[in-house]
PDB file of all heavy atoms in Angstrom:
ATOM      1  N   LEU A   1      -5.860  -0.672  -7.987  1.00  0.00           N
ATOM      2  CA  LEU A   1      -7.000  -1.004  -7.157  1.00  0.00           C
ATOM      3  C   LEU A   1      -7.674   0.279  -6.708  1.00  0.00           C
ATOM      4  O   LEU A   1      -7.108   1.103  -5.986  1.00  0.00           O
ATOM      5  CB  LEU A   1      -6.432  -1.730  -5.863  1.00  0.00           C
ATOM      6  CG  LEU A   1      -5.723  -3.062  -6.086  1.00  0.00           C
ATOM      7  CD1 LEU A   1      -5.307  -3.665  -4.751  1.00  0.00           C
ATOM      8  CD2 LEU A   1      -6.749  -4.083  -6.768  1.00  0.00           C
ATOM      9  N   GLU A   2      -8.908   0.423  -7.061  1.00  0.00           N
ATOM     10  CA  GLU A   2      -9.697   1.606  -6.710  1.00  0.00           C
ATOM     11  C   GLU A   2     -10.494   1.262  -5.445  1.00  0.00           C
ATOM     12  O   GLU A   2     -11.147   0.210  -5.323  1.00  0.00           O
ATOM     13  CB  GLU A   2     -10.696   1.935  -7.804  1.00  0.00           C
ATOM     14  CG  GLU A   2     -10.005   2.294  -9.138  1.00  0.00           C
ATOM     15  CD  GLU A   2     -11.015   2.548 -10.197  1.00  0.00           C
ATOM     16  OE1 GLU A   2     -12.209   3.024  -9.932  1.00  0.00           O
ATOM     17  OE2 GLU A   2     -10.763   2.168 -11.432  1.00  0.00           O
ATOM     18  N   GLY A   3     -10.419   2.187  -4.447  1.00  0.00           N
ATOM     19  CA  GLY A   3     -11.225   1.966  -3.243  1.00  0.00           C
ATOM     20  C   GLY A   3     -10.791   0.814  -2.390  1.00  0.00           C
ATOM     21  O   GLY A   3     -11.573   0.193  -1.705  1.00  0.00           O
ATOM     22  N   ALA A   4      -9.486   0.470  -2.447  1.00  0.00           N
ATOM     23  CA  ALA A   4      -8.949  -0.692  -1.652  1.00  0.00           C
ATOM     24  C   ALA A   4      -8.786  -0.241  -0.193  1.00  0.00           C
ATOM     25  O   ALA A   4      -8.425   0.855   0.088  1.00  0.00           O
ATOM     26  CB  ALA A   4      -7.618  -1.096  -2.273  1.00  0.00           C
ATOM     27  N   VAL A   5      -9.071  -1.202   0.674  1.00  0.00           N
ATOM     28  CA  VAL A   5      -8.850  -0.966   2.150  1.00  0.00           C
ATOM     29  C   VAL A   5      -7.942  -2.135   2.672  1.00  0.00           C
ATOM     30  O   VAL A   5      -8.258  -3.274   2.439  1.00  0.00           O
ATOM     31  CB  VAL A   5     -10.161  -0.958   2.932  1.00  0.00           C
ATOM     32  CG1 VAL A   5      -9.905  -0.829   4.415  1.00  0.00           C
ATOM     33  CG2 VAL A   5     -11.090   0.238   2.434  1.00  0.00           C
ATOM     34  N   PHE A   6      -6.850  -1.742   3.344  1.00  0.00           N
ATOM     35  CA  PHE A   6      -6.018  -2.707   3.958  1.00  0.00           C
ATOM     36  C   PHE A   6      -6.165  -2.403   5.519  1.00  0.00           C
ATOM     37  O   PHE A   6      -5.683  -1.368   5.993  1.00  0.00           O
ATOM     38  CB  PHE A   6      -4.584  -2.592   3.558  1.00  0.00           C
ATOM     39  CG  PHE A   6      -4.383  -2.773   2.097  1.00  0.00           C
ATOM     40  CD1 PHE A   6      -4.622  -1.748   1.204  1.00  0.00           C
ATOM     41  CD2 PHE A   6      -3.941  -3.946   1.590  1.00  0.00           C
ATOM     42  CE1 PHE A   6      -4.408  -1.933  -0.199  1.00  0.00           C
ATOM     43  CE2 PHE A   6      -3.766  -4.188   0.208  1.00  0.00           C
ATOM     44  CZ  PHE A   6      -3.974  -3.148  -0.703  1.00  0.00           C
ATOM     45  N   ARG A   7      -6.707  -3.361   6.312  1.00  0.00           N
ATOM     46  CA  ARG A   7      -6.936  -3.124   7.692  1.00  0.00           C
ATOM     47  C   ARG A   7      -6.242  -4.184   8.524  1.00  0.00           C
ATOM     48  O   ARG A   7      -6.539  -5.350   8.350  1.00  0.00           O
ATOM     49  CB  ARG A   7      -8.460  -3.092   7.920  1.00  0.00           C
ATOM     50  CG  ARG A   7      -8.846  -2.812   9.334  1.00  0.00           C
ATOM     51  CD  ARG A   7     -10.404  -2.719   9.467  1.00  0.00           C
ATOM     52  NE  ARG A   7     -10.912  -1.663   8.658  1.00  0.00           N
ATOM     53  CZ  ARG A   7     -11.968  -1.726   7.852  1.00  0.00           C
ATOM     54  NH1 ARG A   7     -12.672  -2.858   7.867  1.00  0.00           N
ATOM     55  NH2 ARG A   7     -12.386  -0.709   7.175  1.00  0.00           N
ATOM     56  N   ASP A   8      -5.397  -3.746   9.473  1.00  0.00           N
ATOM     57  CA  ASP A   8      -4.689  -4.613  10.335  1.00  0.00           C
ATOM     58  C   ASP A   8      -3.948  -5.745   9.622  1.00  0.00           C
ATOM     59  O   ASP A   8      -4.039  -6.916  10.006  1.00  0.00           O
ATOM     60  CB  ASP A   8      -5.727  -5.243  11.374  1.00  0.00           C
ATOM     61  CG  ASP A   8      -6.324  -4.185  12.250  1.00  0.00           C
ATOM     62  OD1 ASP A   8      -5.579  -3.304  12.835  1.00  0.00           O
ATOM     63  OD2 ASP A   8      -7.560  -4.140  12.275  1.00  0.00           O
ATOM     64  N   CYS A   9      -3.258  -5.363   8.568  1.00  0.00           N
ATOM     65  CA  CYS A   9      -2.515  -6.371   7.709  1.00  0.00           C
ATOM     66  C   CYS A   9      -1.009  -6.246   7.881  1.00  0.00           C
ATOM     67  O   CYS A   9      -0.513  -5.165   8.104  1.00  0.00           O
ATOM     68  CB  CYS A   9      -2.874  -6.178   6.235  1.00  0.00           C
ATOM     69  SG  CYS A   9      -4.558  -6.604   5.806  1.00  0.00           S
ATOM     70  N   LEU A  10      -0.348  -7.374   7.839  1.00  0.00           N
ATOM     71  CA  LEU A  10       1.092  -7.409   7.756  1.00  0.00           C
ATOM     72  C   LEU A  10       1.490  -7.320   6.265  1.00  0.00           C
ATOM     73  O   LEU A  10       1.189  -8.265   5.525  1.00  0.00           O
ATOM     74  CB  LEU A  10       1.699  -8.717   8.345  1.00  0.00           C
ATOM     75  CG  LEU A  10       3.159  -8.933   8.167  1.00  0.00           C
ATOM     76  CD1 LEU A  10       3.986  -7.846   8.854  1.00  0.00           C
ATOM     77  CD2 LEU A  10       3.600 -10.315   8.747  1.00  0.00           C
ATOM     78  N   LEU A  11       2.118  -6.230   5.904  1.00  0.00           N
ATOM     79  CA  LEU A  11       2.520  -5.961   4.497  1.00  0.00           C
ATOM     80  C   LEU A  11       4.015  -5.720   4.389  1.00  0.00           C
ATOM     81  O   LEU A  11       4.501  -5.055   3.507  1.00  0.00           O
ATOM     82  CB  LEU A  11       1.741  -4.763   3.908  1.00  0.00           C
ATOM     83  CG  LEU A  11       0.257  -4.953   3.686  1.00  0.00           C
ATOM     84  CD1 LEU A  11      -0.503  -3.626   3.605  1.00  0.00           C
ATOM     85  CD2 LEU A  11      -0.056  -5.804   2.443  1.00  0.00           C
ATOM     86  N   ALA A  12       4.742  -6.319   5.337  1.00  0.00           N
ATOM     87  CA  ALA A  12       6.182  -6.081   5.341  1.00  0.00           C
ATOM     88  C   ALA A  12       6.822  -6.624   4.072  1.00  0.00           C
ATOM     89  O   ALA A  12       6.412  -7.684   3.537  1.00  0.00           O
ATOM     90  CB  ALA A  12       6.817  -6.863   6.528  1.00  0.00           C
ATOM     91  N   GLN A  13       7.681  -5.832   3.457  1.00  0.00           N
ATOM     92  CA  GLN A  13       8.438  -6.090   2.210  1.00  0.00           C
ATOM     93  C   GLN A  13       7.411  -6.378   1.008  1.00  0.00           C
ATOM     94  O   GLN A  13       7.797  -7.041   0.091  1.00  0.00           O
ATOM     95  CB  GLN A  13       9.327  -7.356   2.410  1.00  0.00           C
ATOM     96  CG  GLN A  13      10.398  -7.096   3.495  1.00  0.00           C
ATOM     97  CD  GLN A  13      11.292  -8.278   3.614  1.00  0.00           C
ATOM     98  OE1 GLN A  13      11.057  -9.357   3.192  1.00  0.00           O
ATOM     99  NE2 GLN A  13      12.405  -8.022   4.256  1.00  0.00           N
ATOM    100  N   ALA A  14       6.249  -5.754   1.100  1.00  0.00           N
ATOM    101  CA  ALA A  14       5.331  -5.865  -0.009  1.00  0.00           C
ATOM    102  C   ALA A  14       5.909  -5.026  -1.153  1.00  0.00           C
ATOM    103  O   ALA A  14       6.522  -4.025  -0.978  1.00  0.00           O
ATOM    104  CB  ALA A  14       3.973  -5.282   0.416  1.00  0.00           C
ATOM    105  N   ASP A  15       5.588  -5.426  -2.385  1.00  0.00           N
ATOM    106  CA  ASP A  15       6.023  -4.664  -3.572  1.00  0.00           C
ATOM    107  C   ASP A  15       4.882  -3.951  -4.126  1.00  0.00           C
ATOM    108  O   ASP A  15       4.008  -4.526  -4.801  1.00  0.00           O
ATOM    109  CB  ASP A  15       6.609  -5.658  -4.622  1.00  0.00           C
ATOM    110  CG  ASP A  15       7.200  -4.961  -5.818  1.00  0.00           C
ATOM    111  OD1 ASP A  15       7.080  -3.695  -5.910  1.00  0.00           O
ATOM    112  OD2 ASP A  15       7.778  -5.602  -6.706  1.00  0.00           O
ATOM    113  N   LEU A  16       4.818  -2.659  -3.886  1.00  0.00           N
ATOM    114  CA  LEU A  16       3.710  -1.843  -4.455  1.00  0.00           C
ATOM    115  C   LEU A  16       4.256  -0.930  -5.536  1.00  0.00           C
ATOM    116  O   LEU A  16       3.610   0.031  -5.906  1.00  0.00           O
ATOM    117  CB  LEU A  16       3.114  -0.898  -3.305  1.00  0.00           C
ATOM    118  CG  LEU A  16       2.740  -1.654  -2.032  1.00  0.00           C
ATOM    119  CD1 LEU A  16       2.140  -0.720  -1.059  1.00  0.00           C
ATOM    120  CD2 LEU A  16       1.675  -2.813  -2.354  1.00  0.00           C
ATOM    121  N   SER A  17       5.445  -1.195  -6.055  1.00  0.00           N
ATOM    122  CA  SER A  17       6.075  -0.336  -7.117  1.00  0.00           C
ATOM    123  C   SER A  17       5.152  -0.237  -8.383  1.00  0.00           C
ATOM    124  O   SER A  17       4.558  -1.233  -8.749  1.00  0.00           O
ATOM    125  CB  SER A  17       7.447  -0.863  -7.441  1.00  0.00           C
ATOM    126  OG  SER A  17       7.398  -2.199  -7.911  1.00  0.00           O
ATOM    127  N   ASP A  18       5.000   0.961  -8.896  1.00  0.00           N
ATOM    128  CA  ASP A  18       4.216   1.219 -10.068  1.00  0.00           C
ATOM    129  C   ASP A  18       2.730   0.972  -9.868  1.00  0.00           C
ATOM    130  O   ASP A  18       2.053   0.981 -10.886  1.00  0.00           O
ATOM    131  CB  ASP A  18       4.778   0.436 -11.281  1.00  0.00           C
ATOM    132  CG  ASP A  18       6.201   0.873 -11.656  1.00  0.00           C
ATOM    133  OD1 ASP A  18       6.350   2.007 -11.939  1.00  0.00           O
ATOM    134  OD2 ASP A  18       7.120  -0.047 -11.653  1.00  0.00           O
ATOM    135  N   ALA A  19       2.322   0.671  -8.708  1.00  0.00           N
ATOM    136  CA  ALA A  19       0.855   0.444  -8.448  1.00  0.00           C
ATOM    137  C   ALA A  19       0.096   1.689  -8.421  1.00  0.00           C
ATOM    138  O   ALA A  19       0.606   2.805  -7.994  1.00  0.00           O
ATOM    139  CB  ALA A  19       0.675  -0.333  -7.118  1.00  0.00           C
ATOM    140  N   ASP A  20      -1.157   1.636  -8.819  1.00  0.00           N
ATOM    141  CA  ASP A  20      -2.064   2.839  -8.736  1.00  0.00           C
ATOM    142  C   ASP A  20      -3.044   2.527  -7.575  1.00  0.00           C
ATOM    143  O   ASP A  20      -3.911   1.729  -7.701  1.00  0.00           O
ATOM    144  CB  ASP A  20      -2.819   2.983  -9.944  1.00  0.00           C
ATOM    145  CG  ASP A  20      -3.661   4.281  -9.953  1.00  0.00           C
ATOM    146  OD1 ASP A  20      -3.893   4.853  -8.889  1.00  0.00           O
ATOM    147  OD2 ASP A  20      -4.063   4.724 -11.047  1.00  0.00           O
ATOM    148  N   LEU A  21      -2.746   3.074  -6.377  1.00  0.00           N
ATOM    149  CA  LEU A  21      -3.501   2.812  -5.163  1.00  0.00           C
ATOM    150  C   LEU A  21      -4.033   4.237  -4.692  1.00  0.00           C
ATOM    151  O   LEU A  21      -4.170   4.496  -3.482  1.00  0.00           O
ATOM    152  CB  LEU A  21      -2.644   2.252  -4.091  1.00  0.00           C
ATOM    153  CG  LEU A  21      -2.140   0.812  -4.388  1.00  0.00           C
ATOM    154  CD1 LEU A  21      -1.094   0.381  -3.478  1.00  0.00           C
ATOM    155  CD2 LEU A  21      -3.336  -0.155  -4.410  1.00  0.00           C
ATOM    156  N   ARG A  22      -4.349   5.135  -5.605  1.00  0.00           N
ATOM    157  CA  ARG A  22      -4.908   6.414  -5.200  1.00  0.00           C
ATOM    158  C   ARG A  22      -6.198   6.238  -4.404  1.00  0.00           C
ATOM    159  O   ARG A  22      -7.009   5.436  -4.853  1.00  0.00           O
ATOM    160  CB  ARG A  22      -5.186   7.264  -6.481  1.00  0.00           C
ATOM    161  CG  ARG A  22      -3.913   7.744  -7.104  1.00  0.00           C
ATOM    162  CD  ARG A  22      -4.157   8.569  -8.377  1.00  0.00           C
ATOM    163  NE  ARG A  22      -4.599   7.573  -9.420  1.00  0.00           N
ATOM    164  CZ  ARG A  22      -4.960   7.915 -10.605  1.00  0.00           C
ATOM    165  NH1 ARG A  22      -4.926   9.240 -10.947  1.00  0.00           N
ATOM    166  NH2 ARG A  22      -5.291   7.038 -11.534  1.00  0.00           N
ATOM    167  N   GLY A  23      -6.286   6.889  -3.261  1.00  0.00           N
ATOM    168  CA  GLY A  23      -7.495   6.830  -2.472  1.00  0.00           C
ATOM    169  C   GLY A  23      -7.568   5.546  -1.606  1.00  0.00           C
ATOM    170  O   GLY A  23      -8.585   5.422  -0.902  1.00  0.00           O
ATOM    171  N   ALA A  24      -6.608   4.720  -1.544  1.00  0.00           N
ATOM    172  CA  ALA A  24      -6.638   3.576  -0.758  1.00  0.00           C
ATOM    173  C   ALA A  24      -6.519   3.898   0.694  1.00  0.00           C
ATOM    174  O   ALA A  24      -6.033   4.974   1.028  1.00  0.00           O
ATOM    175  CB  ALA A  24      -5.499   2.570  -1.141  1.00  0.00           C
ATOM    176  N   ARG A  25      -6.975   3.013   1.581  1.00  0.00           N
ATOM    177  CA  ARG A  25      -6.808   3.244   3.041  1.00  0.00           C
ATOM    178  C   ARG A  25      -5.971   2.068   3.615  1.00  0.00           C
ATOM    179  O   ARG A  25      -6.213   0.921   3.313  1.00  0.00           O
ATOM    180  CB  ARG A  25      -8.184   3.223   3.782  1.00  0.00           C
ATOM    181  CG  ARG A  25      -9.023   4.371   3.404  1.00  0.00           C
ATOM    182  CD  ARG A  25     -10.245   4.421   4.346  1.00  0.00           C
ATOM    183  NE  ARG A  25      -9.846   4.612   5.747  1.00  0.00           N
ATOM    184  CZ  ARG A  25      -9.535   5.754   6.386  1.00  0.00           C
ATOM    185  NH1 ARG A  25      -9.641   6.844   5.694  1.00  0.00           N
ATOM    186  NH2 ARG A  25      -9.236   5.778   7.603  1.00  0.00           N
ATOM    187  N   PHE A  26      -4.931   2.408   4.395  1.00  0.00           N
ATOM    188  CA  PHE A  26      -4.079   1.528   5.077  1.00  0.00           C
ATOM    189  C   PHE A  26      -4.305   1.834   6.567  1.00  0.00           C
ATOM    190  O   PHE A  26      -3.799   2.867   7.033  1.00  0.00           O
ATOM    191  CB  PHE A  26      -2.607   1.701   4.696  1.00  0.00           C
ATOM    192  CG  PHE A  26      -2.322   1.347   3.239  1.00  0.00           C
ATOM    193  CD1 PHE A  26      -2.539   2.288   2.239  1.00  0.00           C
ATOM    194  CD2 PHE A  26      -1.850   0.079   2.930  1.00  0.00           C
ATOM    195  CE1 PHE A  26      -2.230   2.007   0.933  1.00  0.00           C
ATOM    196  CE2 PHE A  26      -1.577  -0.219   1.629  1.00  0.00           C
ATOM    197  CZ  PHE A  26      -1.797   0.702   0.580  1.00  0.00           C
ATOM    198  N   GLU A  27      -4.996   0.958   7.298  1.00  0.00           N
ATOM    199  CA  GLU A  27      -5.282   1.205   8.683  1.00  0.00           C
ATOM    200  C   GLU A  27      -4.524   0.152   9.535  1.00  0.00           C
ATOM    201  O   GLU A  27      -4.742  -1.085   9.504  1.00  0.00           O
ATOM    202  CB  GLU A  27      -6.759   1.041   8.955  1.00  0.00           C
ATOM    203  CG  GLU A  27      -7.596   1.994   8.046  1.00  0.00           C
ATOM    204  CD  GLU A  27      -9.093   1.727   8.108  1.00  0.00           C
ATOM    205  OE1 GLU A  27      -9.506   0.800   8.805  1.00  0.00           O
ATOM    206  OE2 GLU A  27      -9.869   2.472   7.433  1.00  0.00           O
ATOM    207  N   ARG A  28      -3.621   0.710  10.410  1.00  0.00           N
ATOM    208  CA  ARG A  28      -2.895  -0.135  11.380  1.00  0.00           C
ATOM    209  C   ARG A  28      -2.133  -1.278  10.679  1.00  0.00           C
ATOM    210  O   ARG A  28      -2.183  -2.394  11.186  1.00  0.00           O
ATOM    211  CB  ARG A  28      -3.848  -0.609  12.459  1.00  0.00           C
ATOM    212  CG  ARG A  28      -4.471   0.445  13.303  1.00  0.00           C
ATOM    213  CD  ARG A  28      -5.526  -0.145  14.249  1.00  0.00           C
ATOM    214  NE  ARG A  28      -6.573  -0.872  13.620  1.00  0.00           N
ATOM    215  CZ  ARG A  28      -7.611  -0.412  12.962  1.00  0.00           C
ATOM    216  NH1 ARG A  28      -7.749   0.923  12.920  1.00  0.00           N
ATOM    217  NH2 ARG A  28      -8.522  -1.144  12.420  1.00  0.00           N
ATOM    218  N   CYS A  29      -1.515  -0.947   9.591  1.00  0.00           N
ATOM    219  CA  CYS A  29      -0.823  -2.044   8.795  1.00  0.00           C
ATOM    220  C   CYS A  29       0.709  -1.884   9.072  1.00  0.00           C
ATOM    221  O   CYS A  29       1.216  -0.825   9.334  1.00  0.00           O
ATOM    222  CB  CYS A  29      -1.101  -1.848   7.355  1.00  0.00           C
ATOM    223  SG  CYS A  29      -2.763  -2.274   6.870  1.00  0.00           S
ATOM    224  N   ASP A  30       1.343  -2.969   8.936  1.00  0.00           N
ATOM    225  CA  ASP A  30       2.847  -2.975   9.031  1.00  0.00           C
ATOM    226  C   ASP A  30       3.399  -3.018   7.608  1.00  0.00           C
ATOM    227  O   ASP A  30       3.325  -4.095   6.923  1.00  0.00           O
ATOM    228  CB  ASP A  30       3.315  -4.271   9.830  1.00  0.00           C
ATOM    229  CG  ASP A  30       4.803  -4.289  10.036  1.00  0.00           C
ATOM    230  OD1 ASP A  30       5.522  -3.552   9.369  1.00  0.00           O
ATOM    231  OD2 ASP A  30       5.231  -5.087  10.880  1.00  0.00           O
ATOM    232  N   LEU A  31       3.948  -1.915   7.131  1.00  0.00           N
ATOM    233  CA  LEU A  31       4.557  -1.822   5.857  1.00  0.00           C
ATOM    234  C   LEU A  31       6.070  -1.703   5.925  1.00  0.00           C
ATOM    235  O   LEU A  31       6.648  -1.115   5.007  1.00  0.00           O
ATOM    236  CB  LEU A  31       4.005  -0.527   5.167  1.00  0.00           C
ATOM    237  CG  LEU A  31       2.526  -0.665   4.645  1.00  0.00           C
ATOM    238  CD1 LEU A  31       1.677   0.586   4.950  1.00  0.00           C
ATOM    239  CD2 LEU A  31       2.448  -1.054   3.223  1.00  0.00           C
ATOM    240  N   THR A  32       6.640  -2.261   6.947  1.00  0.00           N
ATOM    241  CA  THR A  32       8.101  -2.286   7.074  1.00  0.00           C
ATOM    242  C   THR A  32       8.800  -2.691   5.818  1.00  0.00           C
ATOM    243  O   THR A  32       8.494  -3.804   5.291  1.00  0.00           O
ATOM    244  CB  THR A  32       8.483  -3.148   8.253  1.00  0.00           C
ATOM    245  OG1 THR A  32       7.801  -2.657   9.447  1.00  0.00           O
ATOM    246  CG2 THR A  32      10.008  -3.092   8.509  1.00  0.00           C
ATOM    247  N   GLU A  33       9.753  -1.924   5.324  1.00  0.00           N
ATOM    248  CA  GLU A  33      10.550  -2.216   4.194  1.00  0.00           C
ATOM    249  C   GLU A  33       9.693  -2.492   2.895  1.00  0.00           C
ATOM    250  O   GLU A  33      10.172  -3.231   2.035  1.00  0.00           O
ATOM    251  CB  GLU A  33      11.476  -3.361   4.500  1.00  0.00           C
ATOM    252  CG  GLU A  33      12.469  -3.136   5.538  1.00  0.00           C
ATOM    253  CD  GLU A  33      13.550  -4.267   5.758  1.00  0.00           C
ATOM    254  OE1 GLU A  33      13.598  -5.184   4.928  1.00  0.00           O
ATOM    255  OE2 GLU A  33      14.188  -4.197   6.800  1.00  0.00           O
ATOM    256  N   ALA A  34       8.532  -1.900   2.838  1.00  0.00           N
ATOM    257  CA  ALA A  34       7.748  -2.044   1.593  1.00  0.00           C
ATOM    258  C   ALA A  34       8.390  -1.245   0.460  1.00  0.00           C
ATOM    259  O   ALA A  34       9.064  -0.301   0.711  1.00  0.00           O
ATOM    260  CB  ALA A  34       6.348  -1.641   1.840  1.00  0.00           C
ATOM    261  N   GLU A  35       8.209  -1.664  -0.709  1.00  0.00           N
ATOM    262  CA  GLU A  35       8.766  -0.992  -1.971  1.00  0.00           C
ATOM    263  C   GLU A  35       7.627  -0.165  -2.587  1.00  0.00           C
ATOM    264  O   GLU A  35       6.608  -0.670  -3.027  1.00  0.00           O
ATOM    265  CB  GLU A  35       9.196  -2.030  -2.906  1.00  0.00           C
ATOM    266  CG  GLU A  35       9.724  -1.508  -4.267  1.00  0.00           C
ATOM    267  CD  GLU A  35      10.904  -0.525  -4.060  1.00  0.00           C
ATOM    268  OE1 GLU A  35      11.950  -1.065  -3.737  1.00  0.00           O
ATOM    269  OE2 GLU A  35      10.695   0.660  -4.327  1.00  0.00           O
ATOM    270  N   LEU A  36       7.846   1.197  -2.645  1.00  0.00           N
ATOM    271  CA  LEU A  36       6.775   2.090  -3.121  1.00  0.00           C
ATOM    272  C   LEU A  36       7.188   2.860  -4.393  1.00  0.00           C
ATOM    273  O   LEU A  36       6.452   3.646  -4.873  1.00  0.00           O
ATOM    274  CB  LEU A  36       6.457   3.178  -2.085  1.00  0.00           C
ATOM    275  CG  LEU A  36       5.916   2.660  -0.691  1.00  0.00           C
ATOM    276  CD1 LEU A  36       5.620   3.925   0.185  1.00  0.00           C
ATOM    277  CD2 LEU A  36       4.745   1.774  -0.842  1.00  0.00           C
ATOM    278  N   ARG A  37       8.418   2.512  -4.935  1.00  0.00           N
ATOM    279  CA  ARG A  37       8.904   3.312  -6.049  1.00  0.00           C
ATOM    280  C   ARG A  37       7.913   3.400  -7.211  1.00  0.00           C
ATOM    281  O   ARG A  37       7.336   2.451  -7.614  1.00  0.00           O
ATOM    282  CB  ARG A  37      10.180   2.798  -6.605  1.00  0.00           C
ATOM    283  CG  ARG A  37      11.332   2.882  -5.590  1.00  0.00           C
ATOM    284  CD  ARG A  37      12.675   2.400  -6.131  1.00  0.00           C
ATOM    285  NE  ARG A  37      13.578   1.907  -5.064  1.00  0.00           N
ATOM    286  CZ  ARG A  37      14.179   2.702  -4.300  1.00  0.00           C
ATOM    287  NH1 ARG A  37      13.984   4.016  -4.356  1.00  0.00           N
ATOM    288  NH2 ARG A  37      14.963   2.170  -3.307  1.00  0.00           N
ATOM    289  N   ASN A  38       7.625   4.682  -7.597  1.00  0.00           N
ATOM    290  CA  ASN A  38       6.729   5.016  -8.679  1.00  0.00           C
ATOM    291  C   ASN A  38       5.223   4.637  -8.483  1.00  0.00           C
ATOM    292  O   ASN A  38       4.452   4.574  -9.408  1.00  0.00           O
ATOM    293  CB  ASN A  38       7.177   4.344 -10.024  1.00  0.00           C
ATOM    294  CG  ASN A  38       8.621   4.822 -10.418  1.00  0.00           C
ATOM    295  OD1 ASN A  38       8.880   6.006 -10.385  1.00  0.00           O
ATOM    296  ND2 ASN A  38       9.433   3.894 -10.813  1.00  0.00           N
ATOM    297  N   ALA A  39       4.875   4.310  -7.197  1.00  0.00           N
ATOM    298  CA  ALA A  39       3.440   4.072  -6.869  1.00  0.00           C
ATOM    299  C   ALA A  39       2.719   5.377  -6.916  1.00  0.00           C
ATOM    300  O   ALA A  39       3.291   6.398  -6.649  1.00  0.00           O
ATOM    301  CB  ALA A  39       3.379   3.392  -5.533  1.00  0.00           C
ATOM    302  N   ARG A  40       1.443   5.316  -7.264  1.00  0.00           N
ATOM    303  CA  ARG A  40       0.578   6.438  -7.235  1.00  0.00           C
ATOM    304  C   ARG A  40      -0.342   6.329  -6.004  1.00  0.00           C
ATOM    305  O   ARG A  40      -1.149   5.439  -5.909  1.00  0.00           O
ATOM    306  CB  ARG A  40      -0.343   6.507  -8.488  1.00  0.00           C
ATOM    307  CG  ARG A  40       0.627   6.557  -9.687  1.00  0.00           C
ATOM    308  CD  ARG A  40      -0.007   7.158 -10.930  1.00  0.00           C
ATOM    309  NE  ARG A  40      -0.651   8.399 -10.695  1.00  0.00           N
ATOM    310  CZ  ARG A  40      -1.484   8.958 -11.554  1.00  0.00           C
ATOM    311  NH1 ARG A  40      -1.837   8.361 -12.631  1.00  0.00           N
ATOM    312  NH2 ARG A  40      -2.029  10.164 -11.287  1.00  0.00           N
ATOM    313  N   LEU A  41      -0.073   7.251  -5.000  1.00  0.00           N
ATOM    314  CA  LEU A  41      -0.712   7.122  -3.707  1.00  0.00           C
ATOM    315  C   LEU A  41      -1.450   8.411  -3.313  1.00  0.00           C
ATOM    316  O   LEU A  41      -1.755   8.691  -2.139  1.00  0.00           O
ATOM    317  CB  LEU A  41       0.335   6.752  -2.664  1.00  0.00           C
ATOM    318  CG  LEU A  41       0.926   5.380  -2.838  1.00  0.00           C
ATOM    319  CD1 LEU A  41       2.117   5.194  -1.981  1.00  0.00           C
ATOM    320  CD2 LEU A  41      -0.079   4.311  -2.458  1.00  0.00           C
ATOM    321  N   GLU A  42      -1.721   9.295  -4.368  1.00  0.00           N
ATOM    322  CA  GLU A  42      -2.353  10.509  -3.980  1.00  0.00           C
ATOM    323  C   GLU A  42      -3.769  10.221  -3.362  1.00  0.00           C
ATOM    324  O   GLU A  42      -4.527   9.409  -3.744  1.00  0.00           O
ATOM    325  CB  GLU A  42      -2.640  11.368  -5.288  1.00  0.00           C
ATOM    326  CG  GLU A  42      -1.378  11.858  -6.007  1.00  0.00           C
ATOM    327  CD  GLU A  42      -0.879  10.813  -7.055  1.00  0.00           C
ATOM    328  OE1 GLU A  42      -1.385   9.618  -7.043  1.00  0.00           O
ATOM    329  OE2 GLU A  42      -0.019  11.215  -7.853  1.00  0.00           O
TER     330      GLU A  42
END
């Protein structure tokens, strides 16, 4: 996802593994216990 914005979202236990989210914005989100292994988040 290029240019993705997540604003005020509940993302608990989300699976973002191996995702390419470079340049994404996460604003006031709940990412409790999210899976990020091998995600690209530069």
